[in-house]
C-alpha atoms as a PDB file:
ATOM      1  CA  UNK A   1     -19.061 -29.755 -86.291  1.00  0.00           C
ATOM      2  CA  UNK A   2     -19.258 -26.286 -87.220  1.00  0.00           C
ATOM      3  CA  UNK A   3     -18.716 -24.576 -90.559  1.00  0.00           C
ATOM      4  CA  UNK A   4     -15.988 -21.930 -89.780  1.00  0.00           C
ATOM      5  CA  UNK A   5     -13.456 -23.301 -92.360  1.00  0.00           C
ATOM      6  CA  UNK A   6     -16.109 -23.472 -95.654  1.00  0.00           C
ATOM      7  CA  UNK A   7     -14.434 -23.969 -98.651  1.00  0.00           C
ATOM      8  CA  UNK A   8     -11.617 -21.827 -97.978  1.00  0.00           C
ATOM      9  CA  UNK A   9      -8.605 -21.405-100.404  1.00  0.00           C
ATOM     10  CA  UNK A  10      -5.553 -22.519 -98.142  1.00  0.00           C
ATOM     11  CA  UNK A  11      -2.213 -21.784 -99.736  1.00  0.00           C
ATOM     12  CA  UNK A  12      -0.366 -24.183 -97.255  1.00  0.00           C
ATOM     13  CA  UNK A  13      -2.611 -27.161 -98.097  1.00  0.00           C
ATOM     14  CA  UNK A  14      -0.416 -28.785-100.592  1.00  0.00           C
ATOM     15  CA  UNK A  15       2.219 -29.036 -97.874  1.00  0.00           C
ATOM     16  CA  UNK A  16       0.533 -29.932 -94.836  1.00  0.00           C
ATOM     17  CA  UNK A  17      -3.052 -31.414 -95.721  1.00  0.00           C
ATOM     18  CA  UNK A  18      -5.946 -30.866 -93.487  1.00  0.00           C
ATOM     19  CA  UNK A  19      -5.324 -34.376 -91.648  1.00  0.00           C
ATOM     20  CA  UNK A  20      -1.793 -32.984 -90.814  1.00  0.00           C
ATOM     21  CA  UNK A  21      -2.833 -29.939 -89.554  1.00  0.00           C
ATOM     22  CA  UNK A  22      -5.151 -31.824 -86.962  1.00  0.00           C
ATOM     23  CA  UNK A  23      -2.047 -33.863 -86.177  1.00  0.00           C
ATOM     24  CA  UNK A  24       0.070 -30.463 -85.671  1.00  0.00           C
ATOM     25  CA  UNK A  25      -2.465 -29.170 -83.248  1.00  0.00           C
ATOM     26  CA  UNK A  26      -3.140 -32.253 -81.107  1.00  0.00           C
ATOM     27  CA  UNK A  27       0.741 -32.846 -80.966  1.00  0.00           C
ATOM     28  CA  UNK A  28       1.008 -29.169 -79.554  1.00  0.00           C
ATOM     29  CA  UNK A  29      -1.672 -29.387 -77.387  1.00  0.00           C
ATOM     30  CA  UNK A  30      -0.430 -32.981 -75.737  1.00  0.00           C
ATOM     31  CA  UNK A  31       3.200 -31.605 -75.596  1.00  0.00           C
ATOM     32  CA  UNK A  32       2.145 -28.384 -73.888  1.00  0.00           C
ATOM     33  CA  UNK A  33       0.037 -30.188 -71.430  1.00  0.00           C
ATOM     34  CA  UNK A  34       3.237 -32.630 -70.332  1.00  0.00           C
ATOM     35  CA  UNK A  35       5.099 -29.694 -69.759  1.00  0.00           C
ATOM     36  CA  UNK A  36       2.670 -27.314 -67.773  1.00  0.00           C
ATOM     37  CA  UNK A  37       2.091 -30.407 -65.490  1.00  0.00           C
ATOM     38  CA  UNK A  38       5.317 -31.109 -64.937  1.00  0.00           C
ATOM     39  CA  UNK A  39       6.022 -27.190 -64.522  1.00  0.00           C
ATOM     40  CA  UNK A  40       3.307 -27.035 -61.879  1.00  0.00           C
ATOM     41  CA  UNK A  41       4.217 -30.648 -60.161  1.00  0.00           C
ATOM     42  CA  UNK A  42       8.000 -30.678 -60.920  1.00  0.00           C
ATOM     43  CA  UNK A  43       7.600 -34.496 -59.114  1.00  0.00           C
ATOM     44  CA  UNK A  44      10.253 -36.216 -61.406  1.00  0.00           C
ATOM     45  CA  UNK A  45      12.642 -35.080 -64.074  1.00  0.00           C
ATOM     46  CA  UNK A  46      10.801 -33.583 -67.030  1.00  0.00           C
ATOM     47  CA  UNK A  47      11.193 -36.233 -70.006  1.00  0.00           C
ATOM     48  CA  UNK A  48      12.867 -33.829 -72.419  1.00  0.00           C
ATOM     49  CA  UNK A  49      14.569 -36.197 -74.631  1.00  0.00           C
ATOM     50  CA  UNK A  50      11.577 -38.238 -74.843  1.00  0.00           C
ATOM     51  CA  UNK A  51       9.122 -35.357 -76.147  1.00  0.00           C
ATOM     52  CA  UNK A  52      11.599 -34.051 -78.301  1.00  0.00           C
ATOM     53  CA  UNK A  53      12.296 -37.031 -79.931  1.00  0.00           C
ATOM     54  CA  UNK A  54       8.600 -37.783 -80.881  1.00  0.00           C
ATOM     55  CA  UNK A  55       7.760 -34.152 -81.781  1.00  0.00           C
ATOM     56  CA  UNK A  56      11.061 -34.843 -84.281  1.00  0.00           C
ATOM     57  CA  UNK A  57       9.902 -38.313 -85.297  1.00  0.00           C
ATOM     58  CA  UNK A  58       6.605 -36.369 -86.573  1.00  0.00           C
ATOM     59  CA  UNK A  59       8.033 -33.740 -88.011  1.00  0.00           C
ATOM     60  CA  UNK A  60      10.413 -36.172 -90.335  1.00  0.00           C
ATOM     61  CA  UNK A  61       7.830 -38.195 -91.278  1.00  0.00           C
ATOM     62  CA  UNK A  62       7.652 -36.758 -94.620  1.00  0.00           C
ATOM     63  CA  UNK A  63      10.688 -37.081 -96.784  1.00  0.00           C
ATOM     64  CA  UNK A  64       9.774 -33.003 -98.589  1.00  0.00           C
ATOM     65  CA  UNK A  65      11.907 -30.496 -97.042  1.00  0.00           C
ATOM     66  CA  UNK A  66       9.670 -27.861 -97.202  1.00  0.00           C
ATOM     67  CA  UNK A  67       6.731 -29.736 -95.538  1.00  0.00           C
ATOM     68  CA  UNK A  68       8.972 -30.871 -92.522  1.00  0.00           C
ATOM     69  CA  UNK A  69       9.898 -27.214 -92.125  1.00  0.00           C
ATOM     70  CA  UNK A  70       6.016 -26.202 -92.505  1.00  0.00           C
ATOM     71  CA  UNK A  71       5.355 -29.374 -89.780  1.00  0.00           C
ATOM     72  CA  UNK A  72       8.004 -27.374 -87.540  1.00  0.00           C
ATOM     73  CA  UNK A  73       6.736 -24.116 -88.072  1.00  0.00           C
ATOM     74  CA  UNK A  74       2.795 -25.316 -87.101  1.00  0.00           C
ATOM     75  CA  UNK A  75       4.457 -27.194 -84.140  1.00  0.00           C
ATOM     76  CA  UNK A  76       6.351 -24.236 -82.869  1.00  0.00           C
ATOM     77  CA  UNK A  77       3.232 -21.681 -83.263  1.00  0.00           C
ATOM     78  CA  UNK A  78       1.044 -24.083 -81.595  1.00  0.00           C
ATOM     79  CA  UNK A  79       3.492 -24.486 -78.680  1.00  0.00           C
ATOM     80  CA  UNK A  80       3.702 -20.641 -78.179  1.00  0.00           C
ATOM     81  CA  UNK A  81       0.151 -19.816 -77.892  1.00  0.00           C
ATOM     82  CA  UNK A  82      -0.192 -22.371 -75.691  1.00  0.00           C
ATOM     83  CA  UNK A  83       1.976 -20.865 -73.572  1.00  0.00           C
ATOM     84  CA  UNK A  84       1.568 -17.376 -74.073  1.00  0.00           C
ATOM     85  CA  UNK A  85      -2.587 -18.306 -73.572  1.00  0.00           C
ATOM     86  CA  UNK A  86      -1.995 -19.686 -70.233  1.00  0.00           C
ATOM     87  CA  UNK A  87       0.787 -17.540 -69.031  1.00  0.00           C
ATOM     88  CA  UNK A  88      -1.637 -14.463 -69.597  1.00  0.00           C
ATOM     89  CA  UNK A  89      -4.316 -16.392 -67.950  1.00  0.00           C
ATOM     90  CA  UNK A  90      -2.570 -17.542 -64.783  1.00  0.00           C
ATOM     91  CA  UNK A  91      -0.204 -15.007 -64.186  1.00  0.00           C
ATOM     92  CA  UNK A  92       2.997 -17.228 -64.985  1.00  0.00           C
ATOM     93  CA  UNK A  93       6.403 -15.421 -66.070  1.00  0.00           C
ATOM     94  CA  UNK A  94       7.531 -18.545 -67.267  1.00  0.00           C
ATOM     95  CA  UNK A  95       7.136 -22.559 -68.058  1.00  0.00           C
ATOM     96  CA  UNK A  96      10.585 -23.666 -68.041  1.00  0.00           C
ATOM     97  CA  UNK A  97      10.318 -26.877 -69.907  1.00  0.00           C
ATOM     98  CA  UNK A  98       8.032 -25.355 -72.641  1.00  0.00           C
ATOM     99  CA  UNK A  99      10.789 -22.953 -72.973  1.00  0.00           C
ATOM    100  CA  UNK A 100      13.312 -25.789 -72.874  1.00  0.00           C
ATOM    101  CA  UNK A 101      11.110 -28.170 -75.559  1.00  0.00           C
ATOM    102  CA  UNK A 102      10.909 -24.885 -78.133  1.00  0.00           C
ATOM    103  CA  UNK A 103      14.965 -24.464 -77.639  1.00  0.00           C
ATOM    104  CA  UNK A 104      15.589 -28.319 -78.220  1.00  0.00           C
ATOM    105  CA  UNK A 105      13.412 -28.412 -81.284  1.00  0.00           C
ATOM    106  CA  UNK A 106      15.271 -25.006 -82.643  1.00  0.00           C
ATOM    107  CA  UNK A 107      18.767 -26.204 -82.107  1.00  0.00           C
ATOM    108  CA  UNK A 108      17.859 -29.404 -83.810  1.00  0.00           C
ATOM    109  CA  UNK A 109      17.568 -27.107 -87.505  1.00  0.00           C
ATOM    110  CA  UNK A 110      20.628 -26.716 -89.334  1.00  0.00           C
ATOM    111  CA  UNK A 111      21.182 -23.207 -91.189  1.00  0.00           C
ATOM    112  CA  UNK A 112      19.148 -24.341 -94.216  1.00  0.00           C
ATOM    113  CA  UNK A 113      16.380 -26.090 -92.061  1.00  0.00           C
ATOM    114  CA  UNK A 114      16.357 -23.159 -90.355  1.00  0.00           C
ATOM    115  CA  UNK A 115      15.697 -20.664 -93.592  1.00  0.00           C
ATOM    116  CA  UNK A 116      12.922 -23.154 -94.695  1.00  0.00           C
ATOM    117  CA  UNK A 117      11.751 -22.819 -91.275  1.00  0.00           C
ATOM    118  CA  UNK A 118      11.465 -19.022 -91.280  1.00  0.00           C
ATOM    119  CA  UNK A 119       9.948 -18.770 -94.610  1.00  0.00           C
ATOM    120  CA  UNK A 120       7.208 -21.276 -93.608  1.00  0.00           C
ATOM    121  CA  UNK A 121       6.743 -19.482 -90.195  1.00  0.00           C
ATOM    122  CA  UNK A 122       6.072 -16.188 -92.268  1.00  0.00           C
ATOM    123  CA  UNK A 123       3.909 -18.190 -94.273  1.00  0.00           C
ATOM    124  CA  UNK A 124       1.393 -18.792 -91.641  1.00  0.00           C
ATOM    125  CA  UNK A 125       0.541 -15.128 -91.141  1.00  0.00           C
ATOM    126  CA  UNK A 126       0.859 -14.290 -94.631  1.00  0.00           C
ATOM    127  CA  UNK A 127      -2.589 -15.301 -95.352  1.00  0.00           C
ATOM    128  CA  UNK A 128      -5.429 -15.798 -92.805  1.00  0.00           C
ATOM    129  CA  UNK A 129      -6.281 -18.863 -94.901  1.00  0.00           C
ATOM    130  CA  UNK A 130      -3.059 -20.712 -94.271  1.00  0.00           C
ATOM    131  CA  UNK A 131      -2.980 -23.645 -92.390  1.00  0.00           C
ATOM    132  CA  UNK A 132      -6.629 -22.351 -91.952  1.00  0.00           C
ATOM    133  CA  UNK A 133      -7.604 -26.124 -90.284  1.00  0.00           C
ATOM    134  CA  UNK A 134      -4.618 -25.993 -87.726  1.00  0.00           C
ATOM    135  CA  UNK A 135      -5.403 -22.708 -86.845  1.00  0.00           C
ATOM    136  CA  UNK A 136      -9.130 -23.235 -86.069  1.00  0.00           C
ATOM    137  CA  UNK A 137      -8.009 -27.017 -84.163  1.00  0.00           C
ATOM    138  CA  UNK A 138      -5.419 -24.903 -82.031  1.00  0.00           C
ATOM    139  CA  UNK A 139      -7.643 -21.825 -81.098  1.00  0.00           C
ATOM    140  CA  UNK A 140     -10.575 -24.155 -80.008  1.00  0.00           C
ATOM    141  CA  UNK A 141      -8.324 -26.606 -78.059  1.00  0.00           C
ATOM    142  CA  UNK A 142      -6.738 -23.407 -76.041  1.00  0.00           C
ATOM    143  CA  UNK A 143      -9.700 -21.805 -75.393  1.00  0.00           C
ATOM    144  CA  UNK A 144     -12.276 -25.046 -74.641  1.00  0.00           C
ATOM    145  CA  UNK A 145      -9.076 -25.748 -72.342  1.00  0.00           C
ATOM    146  CA  UNK A 146      -9.232 -22.545 -70.396  1.00  0.00           C
ATOM    147  CA  UNK A 147     -12.662 -22.933 -70.358  1.00  0.00           C
ATOM    148  CA  UNK A 148     -12.636 -26.226 -68.439  1.00  0.00           C
ATOM    149  CA  UNK A 149     -10.242 -24.795 -66.014  1.00  0.00           C
ATOM    150  CA  UNK A 150     -12.690 -21.813 -65.591  1.00  0.00           C
ATOM    151  CA  UNK A 151     -15.294 -24.827 -64.900  1.00  0.00           C
ATOM    152  CA  UNK A 152     -13.207 -26.328 -62.328  1.00  0.00           C
ATOM    153  CA  UNK A 153     -12.575 -23.205 -59.912  1.00  0.00           C
ATOM    154  CA  UNK A 154     -14.081 -23.056 -56.745  1.00  0.00           C
ATOM    155  CA  UNK A 155     -15.988 -19.637 -57.225  1.00  0.00           C
ATOM    156  CA  UNK A 156     -16.905 -16.948 -59.931  1.00  0.00           C
ATOM    157  CA  UNK A 157     -14.101 -14.419 -58.328  1.00  0.00           C
ATOM    158  CA  UNK A 158     -11.450 -17.111 -58.149  1.00  0.00           C
ATOM    159  CA  UNK A 159     -11.667 -17.779 -61.986  1.00  0.00           C
ATOM    160  CA  UNK A 160     -12.206 -13.824 -63.141  1.00  0.00           C
ATOM    161  CA  UNK A 161      -8.806 -13.645 -64.349  1.00  0.00           C
ATOM    162  CA  UNK A 162      -9.196 -16.639 -66.196  1.00  0.00           C
ATOM    163  CA  UNK A 163     -12.375 -15.224 -67.575  1.00  0.00           C
ATOM    164  CA  UNK A 164     -10.718 -12.208 -68.619  1.00  0.00           C
ATOM    165  CA  UNK A 165      -8.076 -13.752 -70.072  1.00  0.00           C
ATOM    166  CA  UNK A 166     -10.336 -16.273 -72.359  1.00  0.00           C
ATOM    167  CA  UNK A 167     -12.837 -13.110 -73.508  1.00  0.00           C
ATOM    168  CA  UNK A 168      -9.463 -10.898 -74.324  1.00  0.00           C
ATOM    169  CA  UNK A 169      -8.017 -13.737 -76.346  1.00  0.00           C
ATOM    170  CA  UNK A 170     -11.027 -14.083 -78.307  1.00  0.00           C
ATOM    171  CA  UNK A 171     -11.321 -10.186 -79.371  1.00  0.00           C
ATOM    172  CA  UNK A 172      -7.583 -10.313 -79.618  1.00  0.00           C
ATOM    173  CA  UNK A 173      -8.271 -13.154 -82.481  1.00  0.00           C
ATOM    174  CA  UNK A 174     -11.346 -11.376 -83.899  1.00  0.00           C
ATOM    175  CA  UNK A 175      -9.258  -8.560 -84.481  1.00  0.00           C
ATOM    176  CA  UNK A 176      -5.859 -10.274 -85.742  1.00  0.00           C
ATOM    177  CA  UNK A 177      -7.725 -11.844 -88.197  1.00  0.00           C
ATOM    178  CA  UNK A 178     -10.625  -9.526 -89.947  1.00  0.00           C
ATOM    179  CA  UNK A 179     -11.708 -11.559 -92.098  1.00  0.00           C
ATOM    180  CA  UNK A 180     -11.941 -14.921 -90.705  1.00  0.00           C
ATOM    181  CA  UNK A 181     -11.468 -14.346 -86.982  1.00  0.00           C
ATOM    182  CA  UNK A 182     -14.974 -14.246 -86.202  1.00  0.00           C
ATOM    183  CA  UNK A 183     -15.770 -17.344 -87.343  1.00  0.00           C
ATOM    184  CA  UNK A 184     -13.061 -18.593 -85.214  1.00  0.00           C
ATOM    185  CA  UNK A 185     -14.579 -17.053 -82.148  1.00  0.00           C
ATOM    186  CA  UNK A 186     -18.098 -18.502 -83.296  1.00  0.00           C
ATOM    187  CA  UNK A 187     -16.754 -22.117 -83.159  1.00  0.00           C
ATOM    188  CA  UNK A 188     -15.376 -21.744 -79.861  1.00  0.00           C
ATOM    189  CA  UNK A 189     -18.390 -19.796 -78.455  1.00  0.00           C
ATOM    190  CA  UNK A 190     -20.731 -22.804 -80.265  1.00  0.00           C
ATOM    191  CA  UNK A 191     -18.458 -25.547 -78.669  1.00  0.00           C
ATOM    192  CA  UNK A 192     -18.711 -24.076 -74.921  1.00  0.00           C
ATOM    193  CA  UNK A 193     -22.496 -24.080 -75.621  1.00  0.00           C
ATOM    194  CA  UNK A 194     -22.414 -27.613 -76.685  1.00  0.00           C
ATOM    195  CA  UNK A 195     -20.161 -28.741 -73.993  1.00  0.00           C
ATOM    196  CA  UNK A 196     -22.867 -27.029 -71.387  1.00  0.00           C
ATOM    197  CA  UNK A 197     -25.626 -28.873 -73.295  1.00  0.00           C
ATOM    198  CA  UNK A 198     -23.807 -32.239 -73.154  1.00  0.00           C
ATOM    199  CA  UNK A 199     -23.537 -31.763 -69.046  1.00  0.00           C
ATOM    200  CA  UNK A 200     -26.734 -30.267 -67.864  1.00  0.00           C
ATOM    201  CA  UNK A 201     -25.742 -30.540 -64.461  1.00  0.00           C
ATOM    202  CA  UNK A 202     -22.313 -28.374 -65.047  1.00  0.00           C
ATOM    203  CA  UNK A 203     -20.740 -26.886 -62.031  1.00  0.00           C
ATOM    204  CA  UNK A 204     -21.802 -23.563 -60.891  1.00  0.00           C
ATOM    205  CA  UNK A 205     -18.526 -21.615 -62.259  1.00  0.00           C
ATOM    206  CA  UNK A 206     -18.515 -23.085 -65.178  1.00  0.00           C
ATOM    207  CA  UNK A 207     -22.393 -21.955 -66.036  1.00  0.00           C
ATOM    208  CA  UNK A 208     -21.900 -18.345 -64.455  1.00  0.00           C
ATOM    209  CA  UNK A 209     -18.455 -17.874 -65.790  1.00  0.00           C
ATOM    210  CA  UNK A 210     -20.168 -18.730 -69.601  1.00  0.00           C
ATOM    211  CA  UNK A 211     -22.762 -15.822 -68.901  1.00  0.00           C
ATOM    212  CA  UNK A 212     -19.706 -13.306 -67.982  1.00  0.00           C
ATOM    213  CA  UNK A 213     -17.873 -14.117 -70.746  1.00  0.00           C
ATOM    214  CA  UNK A 214     -20.360 -13.947 -72.850  1.00  0.00           C
ATOM    215  CA  UNK A 215     -21.850 -10.997 -71.284  1.00  0.00           C
ATOM    216  CA  UNK A 216     -18.149  -9.142 -71.855  1.00  0.00           C
ATOM    217  CA  UNK A 217     -18.330  -9.916 -75.322  1.00  0.00           C
ATOM    218  CA  UNK A 218     -21.599  -8.536 -75.935  1.00  0.00           C
ATOM    219  CA  UNK A 219     -20.566  -5.126 -74.463  1.00  0.00           C
ATOM    220  CA  UNK A 220     -17.145  -5.289 -76.153  1.00  0.00           C
ATOM    221  CA  UNK A 221     -18.023  -6.079 -79.452  1.00  0.00           C
ATOM    222  CA  UNK A 222     -20.458  -3.393 -81.599  1.00  0.00           C
ATOM    223  CA  UNK A 223     -23.938  -4.752 -81.600  1.00  0.00           C
ATOM    224  CA  UNK A 224     -24.069  -5.747 -85.766  1.00  0.00           C
ATOM    225  CA  UNK A 225     -20.524  -7.984 -84.716  1.00  0.00           C
ATOM    226  CA  UNK A 226     -21.964  -9.392 -81.826  1.00  0.00           C
ATOM    227  CA  UNK A 227     -24.964 -10.365 -83.996  1.00  0.00           C
ATOM    228  CA  UNK A 228     -23.047 -11.911 -86.978  1.00  0.00           C
ATOM    229  CA  UNK A 229     -20.563 -14.308 -84.661  1.00  0.00           C
ATOM    230  CA  UNK A 230     -23.883 -15.279 -82.193  1.00  0.00           C
ATOM    231  CA  UNK A 231     -25.931 -16.192 -85.556  1.00  0.00           C
ATOM    232  CA  UNK A 232     -22.942 -18.734 -86.565  1.00  0.00           C
ATOM    233  CA  UNK A 233     -22.448 -20.189 -83.390  1.00  0.00           C
ATOM    234  CA  UNK A 234     -25.748 -20.535 -82.524  1.00  0.00           C
ATOM    235  CA  UNK A 235     -26.306 -22.181 -86.376  1.00  0.00           C
ATOM    236  CA  UNK A 236     -23.249 -24.364 -85.343  1.00  0.00           C
ATOM    237  CA  UNK A 237     -25.441 -25.439 -81.964  1.00  0.00           C
ATOM    238  CA  UNK A 238     -28.292 -26.073 -83.868  1.00  0.00           C
ATOM    239  CA  UNK A 239     -26.481 -28.329 -86.517  1.00  0.00           C
ATOM    240  CA  UNK A 240     -25.006 -30.145 -83.676  1.00  0.00           C
ATOM    241  CA  UNK A 241     -28.467 -30.761 -81.946  1.00  0.00           C
ATOM    242  CA  UNK A 242     -29.970 -32.051 -85.268  1.00  0.00           C
ATOM    243  CA  UNK A 243     -27.484 -34.836 -85.877  1.00  0.00           C
ATOM    244  CA  UNK A 244     -28.169 -36.021 -82.298  1.00  0.00           C
ATOM    245  CA  UNK A 245     -31.792 -36.701 -82.728  1.00  0.00           C
ATOM    246  CA  UNK A 246     -32.749 -40.131 -83.059  1.00  0.00           C
ATOM    247  CA  UNK A 247     -34.131 -40.648 -87.239  1.00  0.00           C
ATOM    248  CA  UNK A 248     -37.454 -40.723 -87.979  1.00  0.00           C
ATOM    249  CA  UNK A 249     -38.734 -44.540 -88.197  1.00  0.00           C
END
């Protein structure tokens, strides 16, 4: 939907093609969602064994040792980033079910597996384009989840911590990936605008919170950086609108 990726040379694509990277982002989202909801409700025992088995089945679906190690690195990276983002946004000190799941996955590794995992884990940060499809999907999902949580608030004041956390994460992403981070930020901002266009009757907090978020980014960035990000986001929104127009008969 957006051109955040373009034609980047992903050094990990041979071990984890774009489809696998998308699966990793989706599995991390689903696993975190289950852990977070249980932590909030605690209405029944957390299905740790079943969730661990689901994750390990996906990791072990490939026969290649290095590919399995990379899958583990992607999944654990995703779970960790989800946990960090929501902890910051909602002032949570810990999410016990998530901690238990991460621990259970790590203890499944023997020494040789762990060495391969560490190597692949470090490879994710060795180049910004490493597993870029995973990085784009993961950050988009996390940011949009926080944006939806903001829109579900009762008032702008009630969701101000979420707005601040989301803005801080977007700025940190841009700073942490000096070459490509701005594209990932633009991707998120485009998808937020698309969500609002898809739902013109969005709640007040969604509209006003988005305005506050965009204003905070405008003040935080140098004008040139802000204009570059917003131009990228606008192109993506226009491209989406173009696909929605009926074909001329």
